[in-house]
Amino acid sequence: MHYKDSRLNAKEWILSGRIIHPAYIKARRSVVSPNTFNMATSETMKAVVYTGGTEAFLEDRPKPTIVEPTDAIVRLTTAAICGTDLHILKGDVPTCKPGTVLGHEGVGIISSVGSAVKAFKTGDRVVVSCITSCLTCRFCRRGIPSHCLSGGWLLGNTIDGVQAEFARIPHADGSLFLAPDAEGITEKDLVMVSDVLPTSLECGVQNGRVEPGKTVAVIGAGPVGLGAVINAQLYSPRMVIVIDLDTNRLEKAKDFGATHTVQSGPGAVEEVMRLTGGDGVDVVIEAVGIPPTFALCQEIVAVGGNIANLGVHGKKVDLHLEKLWNRNITITTRNCDAVTSGMILKLIESGKLRAGNLVTHAYNMESVLDAYATFTAAAKTNALKVLLEF
């Protein structure tokens, strides 16, 4: 566990081709005595706020209050930074307006509930889902709450999120999960249930139809890609190949259960074909979200195979139907619905599934600038999942 990393200078950052130099992430700190940081007595809280463009600020904000009877207020104990937060800072998410508190992954303690909340009470330790579900609209009833008519991806997008000491959770009964209290379960394990594990399971492993004896390739060894490696093993595939540019992440992939690793590049297709006897793989999980990786999926998928798109694509990609029209393949897309989160928590409670080792760095709230710098410079800092601890 690393708690502090050296900062890259601007020249090094530009040469590295990274998304955003942390010099543009500014921390605005009030001049206050240490006692005013006490969460139990202050009427304000610390929060990471998107201010537009490439800037995020650490600000003092009013604590949230109950707005609707279905709300709960959660005092966060742990929150995670997601790659989507970097997309927001880059300006790729127009639904996130300046002034929004970032974050959609967190664990905490309920400090108050609205009058209509039935499943939770004050003092409950909970996992916050990245998806808000009303449980009753036509999309929630169909099992796709990512399109909930009054929910979906709200936190850290269209409403204030969980990278703060407190957060308001709408539709609490459908958007929180009671944390198990079994021995050995850490907050690192629990926060992976907010997004990483259900996203990789639903969008990657289940949509890709991983089954016993199948061959699987995961393109992209970031946290969600490695989550797919972990979840794929629940279905007993005979081979899990991980493809990535980063040799450190490829080594990590072996620790999480990859049977083979391939460095992305000119020889990647040939190596996958060699490993599979020329057949290609039955399931390809795309966990990057750029045109070259989607093109690679199409080159290595076997006849009758599945391409499960997990990455967030910001640019158009080419679909080579001139090569694929007669190969009986299936391509799936999906947003996380978090409908498997309850099951995942049961697996964690039983000890059959743990993903806390995806966490490589943790920072306190006052070091949020360093946390974002570390996560953004993952290729240099070897970061996977970066946490904020309160």
Protein backbone atom coordinates (compact mmCIF):
# COMPACT_ATOMS: atom_id res chain seq x y z
CA MET A 1 0.00 0.00 0.00
CA HIS A 2 1.37 3.36 -1.00
CA TYR A 3 0.25 6.55 0.70
CA LYS A 4 2.33 9.06 -1.15
CA ASP A 5 3.87 9.22 -4.62
CA SER A 6 6.20 11.75 -6.19
CA ARG A 7 4.55 14.11 -8.65
CA LEU A 8 5.49 14.21 -12.32
CA ASN A 9 6.55 17.54 -13.70
CA ALA A 10 4.65 19.09 -16.60
CA LYS A 11 7.23 18.10 -19.21
CA GLU A 12 7.24 14.46 -18.10
CA TRP A 13 3.44 14.47 -18.13
CA ILE A 14 3.16 15.83 -21.66
CA LEU A 15 5.72 13.30 -22.92
CA SER A 16 3.80 10.48 -21.25
CA GLY A 17 0.65 11.34 -23.22
CA ARG A 18 -1.56 11.15 -20.14
CA ILE A 19 -5.08 12.55 -19.96
CA ILE A 20 -4.57 15.48 -17.64
CA HIS A 21 -1.66 16.92 -15.75
CA PRO A 22 -2.41 17.13 -12.03
CA ALA A 23 -1.18 20.71 -12.00
CA TYR A 24 -4.61 21.46 -13.41
CA ILE A 25 -6.33 19.77 -10.47
CA LYS A 26 -6.37 22.51 -7.86
CA ALA A 27 -7.03 22.13 -4.16
CA ARG A 28 -8.91 25.05 -2.66
CA ARG A 29 -8.53 24.82 1.11
CA SER A 30 -10.16 27.11 3.65
CA VAL A 31 -8.06 28.52 6.46
CA VAL A 32 -9.67 26.75 9.41
CA SER A 33 -8.55 25.30 12.70
CA PRO A 34 -8.18 21.49 12.88
CA ASN A 35 -11.28 21.27 15.05
CA THR A 36 -13.53 22.48 12.25
CA PHE A 37 -12.69 19.32 10.29
CA ASN A 38 -14.63 17.29 12.87
CA MET A 39 -17.43 15.63 10.92
CA ALA A 40 -19.64 15.15 13.95
CA THR A 41 -19.97 18.83 14.84
CA SER A 42 -19.43 20.84 11.67
CA GLU A 43 -22.33 21.88 9.42
CA THR A 44 -20.01 21.66 6.44
CA MET A 45 -18.00 18.84 4.93
CA LYS A 46 -15.06 18.31 2.63
CA ALA A 47 -15.94 17.29 -0.93
CA VAL A 48 -14.18 16.80 -4.28
CA VAL A 49 -15.97 19.13 -6.70
CA TYR A 50 -15.88 19.25 -10.49
CA THR A 51 -15.73 22.89 -11.51
CA GLY A 52 -15.66 22.59 -15.30
CA GLY A 53 -12.91 22.00 -17.79
CA THR A 54 -10.00 20.13 -16.27
CA GLU A 55 -10.33 21.38 -12.72
CA ALA A 56 -11.44 19.66 -9.53
CA PHE A 57 -11.40 21.36 -6.15
CA LEU A 58 -11.39 20.18 -2.58
CA GLU A 59 -14.10 22.39 -1.12
CA ASP A 60 -16.09 22.98 2.03
CA ARG A 61 -19.72 22.22 1.14
CA PRO A 62 -22.91 22.12 3.22
CA LYS A 63 -23.76 18.65 4.46
CA PRO A 64 -26.60 17.10 2.45
CA THR A 65 -30.03 16.72 3.98
CA ILE A 66 -33.06 14.53 3.29
CA VAL A 67 -34.95 15.90 0.27
CA GLU A 68 -37.34 13.05 -0.53
CA PRO A 69 -38.80 10.54 1.95
CA THR A 70 -36.99 7.76 0.04
CA ASP A 71 -33.55 9.36 0.65
CA ALA A 72 -30.79 8.29 3.01
CA ILE A 73 -27.78 10.29 4.15
CA VAL A 74 -24.58 8.23 4.30
CA ARG A 75 -21.43 9.22 6.17
CA LEU A 76 -18.70 7.91 3.91
CA THR A 77 -15.80 5.94 5.35
CA THR A 78 -14.22 4.98 2.01
CA ALA A 79 -14.67 6.17 -1.57
CA ALA A 80 -12.90 5.17 -4.77
CA ILE A 81 -11.74 7.09 -7.82
CA CYS A 82 -12.99 5.65 -11.11
CA GLY A 83 -11.71 6.10 -14.65
CA THR A 84 -15.05 7.73 -15.37
CA ASP A 85 -14.08 10.55 -12.98
CA LEU A 86 -11.09 11.24 -15.23
CA HIS A 87 -13.39 11.31 -18.25
CA ILE A 88 -15.44 13.97 -16.43
CA LEU A 89 -12.34 16.07 -15.79
CA LYS A 90 -11.44 15.70 -19.45
CA GLY A 91 -14.86 17.08 -20.40
CA ASP A 92 -16.20 13.86 -21.94
CA VAL A 93 -19.34 13.66 -19.76
CA PRO A 94 -21.58 16.65 -20.58
CA THR A 95 -24.28 15.49 -18.16
CA CYS A 96 -21.93 16.28 -15.26
CA LYS A 97 -22.23 20.01 -14.66
CA PRO A 98 -19.73 22.27 -12.90
CA GLY A 99 -20.31 22.32 -9.15
CA THR A 100 -21.06 18.59 -8.91
CA VAL A 101 -19.39 16.50 -6.20
CA LEU A 102 -17.59 13.63 -7.91
CA GLY A 103 -17.70 9.92 -7.14
CA HIS A 104 -20.06 6.94 -7.43
CA GLU A 105 -18.18 4.23 -5.47
CA GLY A 106 -18.27 4.21 -1.69
CA VAL A 107 -18.86 2.52 1.65
CA GLY A 108 -20.24 4.22 4.72
CA ILE A 109 -22.61 4.40 7.69
CA ILE A 110 -26.18 5.65 7.40
CA SER A 111 -26.60 8.82 9.46
CA SER A 112 -30.30 9.43 8.69
CA VAL A 113 -33.12 8.03 6.57
CA GLY A 114 -36.30 9.42 5.07
CA SER A 115 -39.70 8.37 6.35
CA ALA A 116 -40.34 6.02 3.39
CA VAL A 117 -37.08 4.06 3.71
CA LYS A 118 -37.90 0.56 4.91
CA ALA A 119 -34.83 -1.59 4.28
CA PHE A 120 -32.25 0.44 6.21
CA LYS A 121 -31.88 2.32 9.45
CA THR A 122 -29.51 4.80 11.04
CA GLY A 123 -26.21 3.14 11.91
CA ASP A 124 -26.30 0.50 9.17
CA ARG A 125 -23.03 -0.04 7.35
CA VAL A 126 -23.75 0.01 3.63
CA VAL A 127 -22.23 -0.24 0.18
CA VAL A 128 -23.37 2.53 -2.16
CA SER A 129 -24.31 1.26 -5.61
CA CYS A 130 -23.07 3.18 -8.63
CA ILE A 131 -26.60 2.80 -10.02
CA THR A 132 -29.66 4.38 -8.41
CA SER A 133 -32.82 2.27 -8.69
CA CYS A 134 -36.39 3.24 -7.84
CA LEU A 135 -37.34 -0.49 -8.05
CA THR A 136 -40.73 0.29 -9.60
CA CYS A 137 -40.38 1.93 -13.03
CA ARG A 138 -40.65 -0.15 -16.20
CA PHE A 139 -36.87 -0.37 -16.62
CA CYS A 140 -36.20 -1.39 -13.02
CA ARG A 141 -38.90 -4.06 -13.31
CA ARG A 142 -37.13 -5.38 -16.42
CA GLY A 143 -33.86 -5.65 -14.52
CA ILE A 144 -32.11 -2.74 -16.24
CA PRO A 145 -32.05 -0.02 -13.56
CA SER A 146 -29.19 1.71 -15.35
CA HIS A 147 -32.08 3.22 -17.34
CA CYS A 148 -34.29 3.89 -14.31
CA LEU A 149 -36.64 6.77 -15.09
CA SER A 150 -35.69 8.58 -11.89
CA GLY A 151 -32.31 6.96 -11.30
CA GLY A 152 -29.56 5.26 -13.27
CA TRP A 153 -26.11 6.78 -13.04
CA LEU A 154 -26.89 9.81 -10.90
CA LEU A 155 -24.16 9.96 -8.25
CA GLY A 156 -21.19 12.03 -9.31
CA ASN A 157 -22.89 12.71 -12.63
CA THR A 158 -26.20 14.55 -12.47
CA ILE A 159 -26.28 14.89 -8.66
CA ASP A 160 -23.60 15.16 -5.99
CA GLY A 161 -21.59 11.98 -5.51
CA VAL A 162 -19.71 10.17 -2.78
CA GLN A 163 -16.21 11.65 -2.83
CA ALA A 164 -17.29 13.63 0.20
CA GLU A 165 -17.72 13.08 3.90
CA PHE A 166 -21.50 12.77 3.46
CA ALA A 167 -23.75 11.96 0.51
CA ARG A 168 -27.48 11.92 -0.16
CA ILE A 169 -28.57 8.62 -1.70
CA PRO A 170 -31.93 8.79 -3.53
CA HIS A 171 -34.15 5.69 -3.61
CA ALA A 172 -32.13 4.26 -0.75
CA ASP A 173 -34.02 0.97 -0.61
CA GLY A 174 -32.94 0.13 -4.17
CA SER A 175 -29.56 1.86 -4.20
CA LEU A 176 -27.78 0.65 -1.06
CA PHE A 177 -26.63 -2.79 0.06
CA LEU A 178 -26.18 -3.85 3.66
CA ALA A 179 -22.51 -4.71 4.22
CA PRO A 180 -21.86 -8.19 5.62
CA ASP A 181 -20.11 -8.35 8.96
CA ALA A 182 -18.12 -11.54 8.43
CA GLU A 183 -14.59 -11.80 9.73
CA GLY A 184 -11.85 -10.73 7.33
CA ILE A 185 -13.98 -8.54 5.06
CA THR A 186 -12.34 -5.16 4.58
CA GLU A 187 -13.63 -1.88 3.20
CA LYS A 188 -11.33 -2.50 0.23
CA ASP A 189 -13.34 -5.64 -0.52
CA LEU A 190 -16.65 -3.86 -0.04
CA VAL A 191 -15.98 -0.80 -2.18
CA MET A 192 -15.32 -3.08 -5.16
CA VAL A 193 -19.02 -3.98 -5.00
CA SER A 194 -20.03 -0.39 -5.76
CA ASP A 195 -18.96 -0.67 -9.41
CA VAL A 196 -15.94 -2.79 -10.37
CA LEU A 197 -17.32 -6.25 -9.60
CA PRO A 198 -20.93 -5.89 -10.82
CA THR A 199 -19.82 -4.00 -13.94
CA SER A 200 -17.23 -6.59 -14.91
CA LEU A 201 -19.59 -9.47 -14.11
CA GLU A 202 -22.69 -8.16 -15.85
CA CYS A 203 -21.24 -6.33 -18.84
CA GLY A 204 -18.30 -8.64 -19.41
CA VAL A 205 -18.65 -12.16 -18.05
CA GLN A 206 -22.42 -12.64 -18.20
CA ASN A 207 -22.98 -10.75 -21.44
CA GLY A 208 -20.04 -12.64 -22.95
CA ARG A 209 -21.57 -15.96 -21.87
CA VAL A 210 -18.49 -17.33 -20.17
CA GLU A 211 -19.13 -21.02 -19.49
CA PRO A 212 -17.18 -24.05 -18.25
CA GLY A 213 -14.46 -25.06 -20.70
CA LYS A 214 -14.57 -21.91 -22.80
CA THR A 215 -11.61 -19.74 -23.72
CA VAL A 216 -11.70 -16.09 -22.67
CA ALA A 217 -9.62 -13.05 -23.58
CA VAL A 218 -9.82 -9.84 -21.57
CA ILE A 219 -8.42 -6.81 -23.40
CA GLY A 220 -7.38 -4.22 -20.84
CA ALA A 221 -5.94 -5.00 -17.39
CA GLY A 222 -7.29 -2.02 -15.49
CA PRO A 223 -9.47 -2.51 -12.41
CA VAL A 224 -12.60 -3.45 -14.36
CA GLY A 225 -10.70 -5.71 -16.74
CA LEU A 226 -9.08 -7.49 -13.80
CA GLY A 227 -12.52 -7.65 -12.21
CA ALA A 228 -13.61 -9.59 -15.29
CA VAL A 229 -10.68 -11.96 -14.79
CA ILE A 230 -11.76 -12.55 -11.19
CA ASN A 231 -15.43 -13.02 -12.07
CA ALA A 232 -14.75 -15.25 -15.07
CA GLN A 233 -13.33 -17.88 -12.75
CA LEU A 234 -16.77 -18.31 -11.18
CA TYR A 235 -17.75 -20.03 -14.47
CA SER A 236 -14.69 -22.31 -14.86
CA PRO A 237 -13.28 -21.34 -18.26
CA ARG A 238 -10.30 -23.44 -19.35
CA MET A 239 -8.21 -20.44 -20.42
CA VAL A 240 -8.18 -16.74 -19.50
CA ILE A 241 -5.85 -14.61 -21.62
CA VAL A 242 -5.21 -11.00 -20.60
CA ILE A 243 -3.96 -8.52 -23.20
CA ASP A 244 -2.50 -5.15 -22.24
CA LEU A 245 0.38 -2.81 -23.07
CA ASP A 246 1.50 -2.47 -19.45
CA THR A 247 3.82 -5.28 -18.36
CA ASN A 248 3.21 -4.52 -14.68
CA ARG A 249 -0.53 -4.96 -15.13
CA LEU A 250 0.06 -8.19 -17.03
CA GLU A 251 2.01 -9.51 -14.04
CA LYS A 252 -0.86 -8.43 -11.76
CA ALA A 253 -3.30 -10.27 -14.04
CA LYS A 254 -1.52 -13.55 -13.27
CA ASP A 255 -2.02 -12.90 -9.57
CA PHE A 256 -5.76 -12.55 -10.18
CA GLY A 257 -6.09 -15.77 -12.16
CA ALA A 258 -5.06 -15.16 -15.77
CA THR A 259 -3.68 -18.36 -17.30
CA HIS A 260 -1.82 -16.49 -20.05
CA THR A 261 -0.82 -12.88 -20.76
CA VAL A 262 -0.07 -11.20 -24.08
CA GLN A 263 1.49 -7.78 -24.53
CA SER A 264 -0.58 -5.73 -26.93
CA GLY A 265 1.20 -4.92 -30.17
CA PRO A 266 1.85 -6.19 -33.70
CA GLY A 267 2.23 -9.83 -32.62
CA ALA A 268 -0.75 -10.02 -30.27
CA VAL A 269 -3.18 -11.66 -32.72
CA GLU A 270 -0.66 -14.31 -33.73
CA GLU A 271 0.09 -15.12 -30.08
CA VAL A 272 -3.60 -15.53 -29.21
CA MET A 273 -4.06 -17.77 -32.22
CA ARG A 274 -1.06 -19.85 -31.17
CA LEU A 275 -2.45 -20.26 -27.66
CA THR A 276 -5.86 -21.35 -28.99
CA GLY A 277 -4.64 -23.68 -31.71
CA GLY A 278 -5.70 -21.27 -34.42
CA ASP A 279 -9.33 -21.10 -33.32
CA GLY A 280 -9.43 -17.76 -31.54
CA VAL A 281 -11.25 -17.26 -28.25
CA ASP A 282 -14.86 -18.06 -27.42
CA VAL A 283 -15.36 -14.86 -25.39
CA VAL A 284 -13.60 -11.54 -25.89
CA ILE A 285 -14.19 -8.89 -23.22
CA GLU A 286 -13.23 -5.39 -24.36
CA ALA A 287 -12.32 -3.37 -21.26
CA VAL A 288 -10.52 -0.34 -22.72
CA GLY A 289 -12.91 1.63 -24.90
CA ILE A 290 -10.81 2.75 -27.88
CA PRO A 291 -11.03 1.82 -31.60
CA PRO A 292 -7.82 -0.30 -31.76
CA THR A 293 -8.93 -2.59 -28.93
CA PHE A 294 -12.38 -3.11 -30.44
CA ALA A 295 -10.66 -3.95 -33.73
CA LEU A 296 -8.49 -6.48 -31.89
CA CYS A 297 -11.62 -8.15 -30.51
CA GLN A 298 -12.84 -8.80 -34.03
CA GLU A 299 -9.54 -10.35 -35.04
CA ILE A 300 -9.31 -12.88 -32.22
CA VAL A 301 -12.94 -13.96 -31.69
CA ALA A 302 -13.66 -17.56 -32.64
CA VAL A 303 -16.44 -18.76 -34.92
CA GLY A 304 -19.63 -18.75 -32.82
CA GLY A 305 -17.96 -16.55 -30.22
CA ASN A 306 -19.03 -13.50 -28.26
CA ILE A 307 -17.60 -9.99 -28.03
CA ALA A 308 -18.73 -8.32 -24.80
CA ASN A 309 -18.08 -4.61 -24.80
CA LEU A 310 -17.19 -3.31 -21.36
CA GLY A 311 -15.14 -0.21 -22.23
CA VAL A 312 -16.58 3.31 -22.46
CA HIS A 313 -16.13 4.46 -26.05
CA GLY A 314 -15.78 8.14 -26.81
CA LYS A 315 -15.06 7.71 -30.52
CA LYS A 316 -16.64 5.74 -33.33
CA VAL A 317 -15.27 2.29 -34.08
CA ASP A 318 -15.26 0.19 -37.24
CA LEU A 319 -17.30 -3.01 -37.42
CA HIS A 320 -15.82 -5.29 -40.06
CA LEU A 321 -18.91 -7.10 -41.21
CA GLU A 322 -17.15 -7.90 -44.48
CA LYS A 323 -15.11 -10.38 -42.40
CA LEU A 324 -17.62 -11.31 -39.71
CA TRP A 325 -20.98 -11.63 -41.50
CA ASN A 326 -20.83 -15.44 -41.67
CA ARG A 327 -18.95 -16.24 -38.45
CA ASN A 328 -21.96 -16.53 -36.13
CA ILE A 329 -20.62 -14.08 -33.57
CA THR A 330 -22.58 -12.05 -31.03
CA ILE A 331 -21.66 -8.51 -29.94
CA THR A 332 -23.16 -7.17 -26.72
CA THR A 333 -23.19 -3.78 -25.04
CA ARG A 334 -24.47 -2.84 -21.60
CA ASN A 335 -24.23 -0.41 -18.75
CA CYS A 336 -23.81 -1.75 -15.24
CA ASP A 337 -27.19 -2.46 -13.66
CA ALA A 338 -25.84 -3.64 -10.29
CA VAL A 339 -28.46 -6.40 -10.22
CA THR A 340 -25.75 -8.88 -9.19
CA SER A 341 -24.40 -6.81 -6.29
CA GLY A 342 -26.39 -8.70 -3.65
CA MET A 343 -25.09 -12.02 -4.94
CA ILE A 344 -21.53 -10.68 -5.04
CA LEU A 345 -21.80 -9.63 -1.39
CA LYS A 346 -22.90 -13.17 -0.48
CA LEU A 347 -19.86 -14.56 -2.30
CA ILE A 348 -17.63 -12.12 -0.43
CA GLU A 349 -19.25 -13.09 2.86
CA SER A 350 -18.61 -16.76 2.14
CA GLY A 351 -15.00 -16.10 1.22
CA LYS A 352 -15.43 -17.31 -2.37
CA LEU A 353 -14.78 -13.90 -3.93
CA ARG A 354 -12.47 -11.10 -2.84
CA ALA A 355 -11.17 -8.19 -4.88
CA GLY A 356 -9.66 -5.90 -2.25
CA ASN A 357 -6.20 -6.55 -3.67
CA LEU A 358 -7.15 -4.40 -6.64
CA VAL A 359 -6.53 -1.45 -4.31
CA THR A 360 -2.94 -0.23 -4.64
CA HIS A 361 -3.08 3.26 -3.12
CA ALA A 362 -5.06 5.03 -0.40
CA TYR A 363 -5.12 8.68 0.63
CA ASN A 364 -6.91 10.80 3.18
CA MET A 365 -9.29 13.50 2.03
CA GLU A 366 -6.77 16.31 2.40
CA SER A 367 -4.47 14.51 -0.07
CA VAL A 368 -7.05 14.23 -2.84
CA LEU A 369 -4.77 16.11 -5.23
CA ASP A 370 -2.13 13.42 -4.81
CA ALA A 371 -4.75 10.68 -5.14
CA TYR A 372 -5.94 11.96 -8.52
CA ALA A 373 -2.35 12.50 -9.69
CA THR A 374 -1.45 8.92 -8.78
CA PHE A 375 -4.50 7.45 -10.50
CA THR A 376 -4.05 9.54 -13.63
CA ALA A 377 -0.37 8.51 -13.87
CA ALA A 378 -1.15 4.81 -13.45
CA ALA A 379 1.48 3.73 -15.97
CA LYS A 380 4.19 5.36 -13.86
CA THR A 381 2.78 4.76 -10.37
CA ASN A 382 1.52 1.20 -11.05
CA ALA A 383 -1.86 2.24 -9.66
CA LEU A 384 -4.91 0.07 -10.06
CA LYS A 385 -7.64 1.22 -7.68
CA VAL A 386 -7.09 4.38 -5.63
CA LEU A 387 -9.14 5.04 -2.49
CA LEU A 388 -10.03 8.07 -0.43
CA GLU A 389 -10.34 7.23 3.27
CA PHE A 390 -12.27 9.45 5.68
